[in-house]
Amino acid sequence: MGKKQTLNAKRLTKKQVQELIESEGKLHEEFTKSLETTYSSGYKDQPLVYELSNDRFLFVFDPKEVSIPGRGDIYSKDYLLRLIRLKQKVEEDAIDGRQSSVDHWRYYSKHKAQLINQLSELIDKLARCWSISHDQLDFSYKSLDILSRKAEEYGLENVQAELYDNLVGYVGEVIRHRVKGNWIVLEERPNDEYPAIGAKGGTLMPINVVWQELFGLELMNLRKETANEVRRFSLRHR
């Protein structure tokens, strides 16, 4: 993960946790239930979440947990909601068999591998939907900052359901320009094709970039993850 997301400088001791609960903490039953996890062994991990003042939330590790029972961290409401959303998405994907980034994209994709033949239309729709001028969509890293901000405003769940292909197509075009590559279609399993960028010595995965940012605990940052994908490729193929 990137920068530290807790509002406390160091993880709180059990004593500090109890003092906070006694002074201002109120158990948040909905968030507590949302973060409960039952493993295949039958073991339940049951952290507790307490609402504090100023939209802060105290996350208390399960008192039965072996390594840090009863200790805690303080998070902003936005971050905690992202954590809950991520947990729910991981569980949903596991139940529905979406084991990889490609499986996840394929489930939501409207165009599948044919998106590489509809790039202009997909990018035009992105511009119209988010009121972005075509001059701004110049396939630069800077343009990815605009898309990241617009995606957050639109809602990542809505992006996932409605504009997944559009973002994969645009990110792929940014990557293609950077590495002087070409769109290709790969096959993970029989009849399971997906688009990627082929360049000298290997392939790059715009699907991975978008999937990673849709699932992120931090604000979407397509520039950073796209640059990371290009960097990883460059390091592998020096």
C-alpha atoms as a PDB file:
ATOM      1  CA  MET A   1       0.000   0.000   0.000  1.00  0.00           C
ATOM      2  CA  GLY A   2       1.132   3.578  -0.465  1.00  0.00           C
ATOM      3  CA  LYS A   3       1.188   6.203   2.226  1.00  0.00           C
ATOM      4  CA  LYS A   4       0.100   5.352   5.746  1.00  0.00           C
ATOM      5  CA  GLN A   5      -3.672   5.661   5.979  1.00  0.00           C
ATOM      6  CA  THR A   6      -4.161   5.495   9.735  1.00  0.00           C
ATOM      7  CA  LEU A   7      -4.745   8.761  11.569  1.00  0.00           C
ATOM      8  CA  ASN A   8      -2.659   7.557  14.518  1.00  0.00           C
ATOM      9  CA  ALA A   9       1.132   7.706  14.269  1.00  0.00           C
ATOM     10  CA  LYS A  10       1.608   4.289  15.893  1.00  0.00           C
ATOM     11  CA  ARG A  11      -0.753   1.371  16.376  1.00  0.00           C
ATOM     12  CA  LEU A  12      -2.735   1.913  19.558  1.00  0.00           C
ATOM     13  CA  THR A  13      -2.113  -0.310  22.562  1.00  0.00           C
ATOM     14  CA  LYS A  14      -4.976  -2.158  24.232  1.00  0.00           C
ATOM     15  CA  LYS A  15      -4.894   0.404  27.015  1.00  0.00           C
ATOM     16  CA  GLN A  16      -5.133   3.321  24.577  1.00  0.00           C
ATOM     17  CA  VAL A  17      -7.979   1.578  22.753  1.00  0.00           C
ATOM     18  CA  GLN A  18      -9.943   1.118  25.961  1.00  0.00           C
ATOM     19  CA  GLU A  19      -9.393   4.730  26.975  1.00  0.00           C
ATOM     20  CA  LEU A  20     -10.734   5.923  23.616  1.00  0.00           C
ATOM     21  CA  ILE A  21     -13.769   3.671  23.824  1.00  0.00           C
ATOM     22  CA  GLU A  22     -14.561   4.840  27.327  1.00  0.00           C
ATOM     23  CA  SER A  23     -14.130   8.532  26.481  1.00  0.00           C
ATOM     24  CA  GLU A  24     -15.949   8.768  23.149  1.00  0.00           C
ATOM     25  CA  GLY A  25     -16.340   5.439  21.385  1.00  0.00           C
ATOM     26  CA  LYS A  26     -19.697   4.084  20.249  1.00  0.00           C
ATOM     27  CA  LEU A  27     -19.859   0.612  18.709  1.00  0.00           C
ATOM     28  CA  HIS A  28     -20.848   0.828  15.040  1.00  0.00           C
ATOM     29  CA  GLU A  29     -22.730  -2.439  14.574  1.00  0.00           C
ATOM     30  CA  GLU A  30     -23.146  -2.186  10.785  1.00  0.00           C
ATOM     31  CA  PHE A  31     -19.443  -1.586  10.095  1.00  0.00           C
ATOM     32  CA  THR A  32     -18.452  -4.215  12.657  1.00  0.00           C
ATOM     33  CA  LYS A  33     -20.656  -6.813  10.968  1.00  0.00           C
ATOM     34  CA  SER A  34     -19.369  -5.823   7.516  1.00  0.00           C
ATOM     35  CA  LEU A  35     -15.763  -6.510   8.512  1.00  0.00           C
ATOM     36  CA  GLU A  36     -16.402  -9.911  10.075  1.00  0.00           C
ATOM     37  CA  THR A  37     -14.753 -12.728   8.121  1.00  0.00           C
ATOM     38  CA  THR A  38     -15.504 -16.444   8.340  1.00  0.00           C
ATOM     39  CA  TYR A  39     -12.730 -18.649   6.958  1.00  0.00           C
ATOM     40  CA  SER A  40     -13.119 -22.083   5.390  1.00  0.00           C
ATOM     41  CA  SER A  41     -11.815 -23.621   8.612  1.00  0.00           C
ATOM     42  CA  GLY A  42     -14.807 -22.145  10.410  1.00  0.00           C
ATOM     43  CA  TYR A  43     -12.725 -19.602  12.324  1.00  0.00           C
ATOM     44  CA  LYS A  44     -14.295 -16.169  12.594  1.00  0.00           C
ATOM     45  CA  ASP A  45     -12.216 -13.008  12.594  1.00  0.00           C
ATOM     46  CA  GLN A  46     -14.350 -10.432  14.400  1.00  0.00           C
ATOM     47  CA  PRO A  47     -12.768  -6.981  14.622  1.00  0.00           C
ATOM     48  CA  LEU A  48     -14.770  -4.215  16.264  1.00  0.00           C
ATOM     49  CA  VAL A  49     -15.458  -0.742  14.869  1.00  0.00           C
ATOM     50  CA  TYR A  50     -16.239   2.235  17.098  1.00  0.00           C
ATOM     51  CA  GLU A  51     -17.441   5.610  15.889  1.00  0.00           C
ATOM     52  CA  LEU A  52     -15.446   8.548  17.254  1.00  0.00           C
ATOM     53  CA  SER A  53     -15.879  12.293  16.882  1.00  0.00           C
ATOM     54  CA  ASN A  54     -15.130  14.191  13.653  1.00  0.00           C
ATOM     55  CA  ASP A  55     -15.913  11.294  11.271  1.00  0.00           C
ATOM     56  CA  ARG A  56     -13.161   9.120  12.697  1.00  0.00           C
ATOM     57  CA  PHE A  57     -13.492   5.398  13.319  1.00  0.00           C
ATOM     58  CA  LEU A  58     -11.568   3.150  15.664  1.00  0.00           C
ATOM     59  CA  PHE A  59     -10.771  -0.275  14.217  1.00  0.00           C
ATOM     60  CA  VAL A  60     -10.036  -2.777  16.996  1.00  0.00           C
ATOM     61  CA  PHE A  61      -8.389  -6.067  16.098  1.00  0.00           C
ATOM     62  CA  ASP A  62     -10.302  -9.155  17.196  1.00  0.00           C
ATOM     63  CA  PRO A  63      -9.622  -9.724  20.912  1.00  0.00           C
ATOM     64  CA  LYS A  64      -9.172 -13.439  20.056  1.00  0.00           C
ATOM     65  CA  GLU A  65      -6.588 -12.676  17.365  1.00  0.00           C
ATOM     66  CA  VAL A  66      -3.165 -14.123  18.188  1.00  0.00           C
ATOM     67  CA  SER A  67      -0.643 -11.449  17.174  1.00  0.00           C
ATOM     68  CA  ILE A  68      -2.234  -8.086  18.072  1.00  0.00           C
ATOM     69  CA  PRO A  69      -5.503  -8.804  19.930  1.00  0.00           C
ATOM     70  CA  GLY A  70      -7.385  -5.745  21.097  1.00  0.00           C
ATOM     71  CA  ARG A  71      -4.996  -3.218  19.597  1.00  0.00           C
ATOM     72  CA  GLY A  72      -6.294  -0.647  17.156  1.00  0.00           C
ATOM     73  CA  ASP A  73      -6.005   1.973  14.445  1.00  0.00           C
ATOM     74  CA  ILE A  74      -8.008   5.093  13.689  1.00  0.00           C
ATOM     75  CA  TYR A  75      -9.270   5.699  10.146  1.00  0.00           C
ATOM     76  CA  SER A  76     -11.236   8.377   8.362  1.00  0.00           C
ATOM     77  CA  LYS A  77     -14.770   7.421   7.368  1.00  0.00           C
ATOM     78  CA  ASP A  78     -13.864   7.533   3.676  1.00  0.00           C
ATOM     79  CA  TYR A  79     -10.983   5.113   4.126  1.00  0.00           C
ATOM     80  CA  LEU A  80     -13.005   2.722   6.268  1.00  0.00           C
ATOM     81  CA  LEU A  81     -15.801   2.651   3.681  1.00  0.00           C
ATOM     82  CA  ARG A  82     -13.216   1.833   1.018  1.00  0.00           C
ATOM     83  CA  LEU A  83     -11.896  -0.990   3.196  1.00  0.00           C
ATOM     84  CA  ILE A  84     -15.407  -2.411   3.615  1.00  0.00           C
ATOM     85  CA  ARG A  85     -16.096  -2.074  -0.098  1.00  0.00           C
ATOM     86  CA  LEU A  86     -12.867  -3.894  -0.961  1.00  0.00           C
ATOM     87  CA  LYS A  87     -13.651  -6.753   1.413  1.00  0.00           C
ATOM     88  CA  GLN A  88     -17.135  -7.145  -0.048  1.00  0.00           C
ATOM     89  CA  LYS A  89     -15.820  -7.101  -3.620  1.00  0.00           C
ATOM     90  CA  VAL A  90     -13.166  -9.718  -2.868  1.00  0.00           C
ATOM     91  CA  GLU A  91     -15.809 -11.989  -1.328  1.00  0.00           C
ATOM     92  CA  GLU A  92     -18.233 -11.481  -4.226  1.00  0.00           C
ATOM     93  CA  ASP A  93     -15.529 -12.200  -6.785  1.00  0.00           C
ATOM     94  CA  ALA A  94     -14.459 -15.368  -4.959  1.00  0.00           C
ATOM     95  CA  ILE A  95     -18.041 -16.659  -4.886  1.00  0.00           C
ATOM     96  CA  ASP A  96     -18.574 -15.901  -8.588  1.00  0.00           C
ATOM     97  CA  GLY A  97     -15.217 -17.344  -9.680  1.00  0.00           C
ATOM     98  CA  ARG A  98     -13.543 -14.101 -10.664  1.00  0.00           C
ATOM     99  CA  GLN A  99     -10.052 -15.199  -9.734  1.00  0.00           C
ATOM    100  CA  SER A 100      -7.956 -12.712 -11.687  1.00  0.00           C
ATOM    101  CA  SER A 101      -7.993  -9.215 -13.136  1.00  0.00           C
ATOM    102  CA  VAL A 102      -8.925 -10.674 -16.522  1.00  0.00           C
ATOM    103  CA  ASP A 103     -11.807 -12.682 -15.018  1.00  0.00           C
ATOM    104  CA  HIS A 104     -13.053  -9.512 -13.312  1.00  0.00           C
ATOM    105  CA  TRP A 105     -12.841  -7.397 -16.468  1.00  0.00           C
ATOM    106  CA  ARG A 106     -14.467 -10.104 -18.610  1.00  0.00           C
ATOM    107  CA  TYR A 107     -17.439 -10.330 -16.245  1.00  0.00           C
ATOM    108  CA  TYR A 108     -18.196  -6.610 -16.584  1.00  0.00           C
ATOM    109  CA  SER A 109     -16.975  -6.030 -20.147  1.00  0.00           C
ATOM    110  CA  LYS A 110     -19.543  -5.184 -22.782  1.00  0.00           C
ATOM    111  CA  HIS A 111     -17.204  -5.569 -25.735  1.00  0.00           C
ATOM    112  CA  LYS A 112     -14.729  -8.259 -24.640  1.00  0.00           C
ATOM    113  CA  ALA A 113     -11.665  -8.499 -26.903  1.00  0.00           C
ATOM    114  CA  GLN A 114     -13.490  -6.606 -29.646  1.00  0.00           C
ATOM    115  CA  LEU A 115     -12.876  -3.375 -27.751  1.00  0.00           C
ATOM    116  CA  ILE A 116      -9.633  -2.980 -29.702  1.00  0.00           C
ATOM    117  CA  ASN A 117     -11.760  -2.379 -32.812  1.00  0.00           C
ATOM    118  CA  GLN A 118     -13.894   0.258 -31.075  1.00  0.00           C
ATOM    119  CA  LEU A 119     -11.311   2.443 -29.374  1.00  0.00           C
ATOM    120  CA  SER A 120     -12.428   5.735 -30.927  1.00  0.00           C
ATOM    121  CA  GLU A 121     -16.049   5.152 -29.935  1.00  0.00           C
ATOM    122  CA  LEU A 122     -15.114   4.088 -26.417  1.00  0.00           C
ATOM    123  CA  ILE A 123     -12.909   7.128 -25.847  1.00  0.00           C
ATOM    124  CA  ASP A 124     -15.530   9.452 -27.372  1.00  0.00           C
ATOM    125  CA  LYS A 125     -18.093   8.085 -24.904  1.00  0.00           C
ATOM    126  CA  LEU A 126     -15.688   8.695 -22.027  1.00  0.00           C
ATOM    127  CA  ALA A 127     -15.251  12.312 -23.130  1.00  0.00           C
ATOM    128  CA  ARG A 128     -19.004  12.888 -23.496  1.00  0.00           C
ATOM    129  CA  CYS A 129     -19.976  11.161 -20.273  1.00  0.00           C
ATOM    130  CA  TRP A 130     -17.464  13.067 -18.163  1.00  0.00           C
ATOM    131  CA  SER A 131     -17.525  16.367 -20.108  1.00  0.00           C
ATOM    132  CA  ILE A 132     -13.854  16.204 -21.051  1.00  0.00           C
ATOM    133  CA  SER A 133     -12.560  17.936 -24.177  1.00  0.00           C
ATOM    134  CA  HIS A 134     -10.720  15.811 -26.716  1.00  0.00           C
ATOM    135  CA  ASP A 135      -7.743  18.147 -26.382  1.00  0.00           C
ATOM    136  CA  GLN A 136      -7.370  16.964 -22.796  1.00  0.00           C
ATOM    137  CA  LEU A 137      -7.462  13.316 -23.813  1.00  0.00           C
ATOM    138  CA  ASP A 138      -4.064  13.438 -25.500  1.00  0.00           C
ATOM    139  CA  PHE A 139      -2.791  10.053 -24.190  1.00  0.00           C
ATOM    140  CA  SER A 140      -0.397  11.703 -21.762  1.00  0.00           C
ATOM    141  CA  TYR A 141       0.150  10.736 -18.155  1.00  0.00           C
ATOM    142  CA  LYS A 142      -1.402  14.080 -17.212  1.00  0.00           C
ATOM    143  CA  SER A 143      -4.639  13.108 -18.929  1.00  0.00           C
ATOM    144  CA  LEU A 144      -4.857  10.091 -16.601  1.00  0.00           C
ATOM    145  CA  ASP A 145      -5.069  12.479 -13.645  1.00  0.00           C
ATOM    146  CA  ILE A 146      -8.209  13.971 -15.198  1.00  0.00           C
ATOM    147  CA  LEU A 147      -9.755  10.536 -15.699  1.00  0.00           C
ATOM    148  CA  SER A 148      -8.887   9.449 -12.157  1.00  0.00           C
ATOM    149  CA  ARG A 149     -10.610  12.499 -10.700  1.00  0.00           C
ATOM    150  CA  LYS A 150     -13.670  12.089 -12.924  1.00  0.00           C
ATOM    151  CA  ALA A 151     -13.924   8.378 -12.056  1.00  0.00           C
ATOM    152  CA  GLU A 152     -13.987   9.160  -8.336  1.00  0.00           C
ATOM    153  CA  GLU A 153     -16.716  11.743  -8.888  1.00  0.00           C
ATOM    154  CA  TYR A 154     -18.720   9.299 -11.024  1.00  0.00           C
ATOM    155  CA  GLY A 155     -18.391   6.503  -8.476  1.00  0.00           C
ATOM    156  CA  LEU A 156     -16.135   3.492  -8.915  1.00  0.00           C
ATOM    157  CA  GLU A 157     -19.059   1.061  -8.811  1.00  0.00           C
ATOM    158  CA  ASN A 158     -20.628   2.955 -11.719  1.00  0.00           C
ATOM    159  CA  VAL A 159     -17.331   2.971 -13.612  1.00  0.00           C
ATOM    160  CA  GLN A 160     -17.012  -0.762 -13.131  1.00  0.00           C
ATOM    161  CA  ALA A 161     -20.522  -1.428 -14.418  1.00  0.00           C
ATOM    162  CA  GLU A 162     -20.653   1.103 -17.252  1.00  0.00           C
ATOM    163  CA  LEU A 163     -17.206   2.313 -18.352  1.00  0.00           C
ATOM    164  CA  TYR A 164     -14.748  -0.505 -17.651  1.00  0.00           C
ATOM    165  CA  ASP A 165     -13.964  -1.076 -21.333  1.00  0.00           C
ATOM    166  CA  ASN A 166     -13.625   2.648 -21.922  1.00  0.00           C
ATOM    167  CA  LEU A 167     -10.937   3.016 -19.264  1.00  0.00           C
ATOM    168  CA  VAL A 168      -9.118  -0.132 -20.376  1.00  0.00           C
ATOM    169  CA  GLY A 169      -9.108   1.207 -23.932  1.00  0.00           C
ATOM    170  CA  TYR A 170      -7.802   4.638 -22.954  1.00  0.00           C
ATOM    171  CA  VAL A 171      -5.159   3.336 -20.555  1.00  0.00           C
ATOM    172  CA  GLY A 172      -4.092   0.877 -23.240  1.00  0.00           C
ATOM    173  CA  GLU A 173      -3.656   3.711 -25.718  1.00  0.00           C
ATOM    174  CA  VAL A 174      -1.506   5.644 -23.228  1.00  0.00           C
ATOM    175  CA  ILE A 175       0.650   2.553 -22.762  1.00  0.00           C
ATOM    176  CA  ARG A 176       0.811   1.857 -26.503  1.00  0.00           C
ATOM    177  CA  HIS A 177       2.106   5.354 -27.195  1.00  0.00           C
ATOM    178  CA  ARG A 178       4.704   5.049 -24.415  1.00  0.00           C
ATOM    179  CA  VAL A 179       6.196   1.727 -25.524  1.00  0.00           C
ATOM    180  CA  LYS A 180       5.511   2.057 -29.254  1.00  0.00           C
ATOM    181  CA  GLY A 181       3.482  -1.132 -29.128  1.00  0.00           C
ATOM    182  CA  ASN A 182       0.357  -2.577 -30.703  1.00  0.00           C
ATOM    183  CA  TRP A 183      -2.927  -3.950 -29.490  1.00  0.00           C
ATOM    184  CA  ILE A 184      -3.017  -7.736 -29.471  1.00  0.00           C
ATOM    185  CA  VAL A 185      -5.517 -10.359 -28.339  1.00  0.00           C
ATOM    186  CA  LEU A 186      -4.362 -13.067 -25.948  1.00  0.00           C
ATOM    187  CA  GLU A 187      -6.128 -16.187 -24.764  1.00  0.00           C
ATOM    188  CA  GLU A 188      -5.925 -17.117 -21.101  1.00  0.00           C
ATOM    189  CA  ARG A 189      -8.052 -20.228 -21.612  1.00  0.00           C
ATOM    190  CA  PRO A 190      -9.889 -21.600 -24.673  1.00  0.00           C
ATOM    191  CA  ASN A 191     -12.503 -19.065 -25.777  1.00  0.00           C
ATOM    192  CA  ASP A 192     -11.387 -16.549 -23.138  1.00  0.00           C
ATOM    193  CA  GLU A 193      -9.710 -13.844 -25.175  1.00  0.00           C
ATOM    194  CA  TYR A 194      -8.621 -10.508 -23.766  1.00  0.00           C
ATOM    195  CA  PRO A 195      -6.833  -7.401 -25.103  1.00  0.00           C
ATOM    196  CA  ALA A 196      -3.270  -6.410 -24.208  1.00  0.00           C
ATOM    197  CA  ILE A 197      -0.460  -4.279 -25.585  1.00  0.00           C
ATOM    198  CA  GLY A 198       2.307  -6.126 -27.367  1.00  0.00           C
ATOM    199  CA  ALA A 199       5.754  -4.551 -27.520  1.00  0.00           C
ATOM    200  CA  LYS A 200       9.211  -5.764 -28.331  1.00  0.00           C
ATOM    201  CA  GLY A 201      10.010  -8.502 -25.861  1.00  0.00           C
ATOM    202  CA  GLY A 202       6.657  -8.928 -24.147  1.00  0.00           C
ATOM    203  CA  THR A 203       3.195  -7.671 -23.265  1.00  0.00           C
ATOM    204  CA  LEU A 204       1.641  -5.023 -21.026  1.00  0.00           C
ATOM    205  CA  MET A 205      -1.752  -5.248 -19.373  1.00  0.00           C
ATOM    206  CA  PRO A 206      -4.070  -2.216 -19.312  1.00  0.00           C
ATOM    207  CA  ILE A 207      -6.674  -4.493 -17.711  1.00  0.00           C
ATOM    208  CA  ASN A 208      -4.385  -4.937 -14.707  1.00  0.00           C
ATOM    209  CA  VAL A 209      -4.001  -1.181 -14.342  1.00  0.00           C
ATOM    210  CA  VAL A 210      -7.730  -0.441 -14.316  1.00  0.00           C
ATOM    211  CA  TRP A 211      -8.588  -3.431 -12.111  1.00  0.00           C
ATOM    212  CA  GLN A 212      -5.948  -2.420  -9.569  1.00  0.00           C
ATOM    213  CA  GLU A 213      -7.294   1.120  -9.331  1.00  0.00           C
ATOM    214  CA  LEU A 214     -10.937   0.069  -9.132  1.00  0.00           C
ATOM    215  CA  PHE A 215      -9.983  -2.030  -6.109  1.00  0.00           C
ATOM    216  CA  GLY A 216      -7.646   0.475  -4.482  1.00  0.00           C
ATOM    217  CA  LEU A 217      -7.908   1.663  -0.893  1.00  0.00           C
ATOM    218  CA  GLU A 218      -6.560   5.043  -1.935  1.00  0.00           C
ATOM    219  CA  LEU A 219      -8.099   7.487  -4.385  1.00  0.00           C
ATOM    220  CA  MET A 220      -7.847   6.282  -7.971  1.00  0.00           C
ATOM    221  CA  ASN A 221      -4.458   7.102  -9.483  1.00  0.00           C
ATOM    222  CA  LEU A 222      -4.323   5.800 -13.048  1.00  0.00           C
ATOM    223  CA  ARG A 223      -1.164   7.799 -13.752  1.00  0.00           C
ATOM    224  CA  LYS A 224       0.806   6.019 -11.027  1.00  0.00           C
ATOM    225  CA  GLU A 225      -0.358   2.505 -11.874  1.00  0.00           C
ATOM    226  CA  THR A 226       0.068   3.016 -15.635  1.00  0.00           C
ATOM    227  CA  ALA A 227       3.592   4.319 -15.069  1.00  0.00           C
ATOM    228  CA  ASN A 228       4.267   1.297 -12.855  1.00  0.00           C
ATOM    229  CA  GLU A 229       3.103  -1.069 -15.597  1.00  0.00           C
ATOM    230  CA  VAL A 230       5.383   0.620 -18.137  1.00  0.00           C
ATOM    231  CA  ARG A 231       8.269   0.668 -15.647  1.00  0.00           C
ATOM    232  CA  ARG A 232       7.912  -3.025 -14.812  1.00  0.00           C
ATOM    233  CA  PHE A 233       7.941  -3.848 -18.518  1.00  0.00           C
ATOM    234  CA  SER A 234      11.007  -1.688 -19.136  1.00  0.00           C
ATOM    235  CA  LEU A 235      12.918  -3.326 -16.275  1.00  0.00           C
ATOM    236  CA  ARG A 236      12.108  -6.796 -17.582  1.00  0.00           C
ATOM    237  CA  HIS A 237      13.206  -5.963 -21.115  1.00  0.00           C
ATOM    238  CA  ARG A 238      16.288  -3.841 -20.805  1.00  0.00           C
END
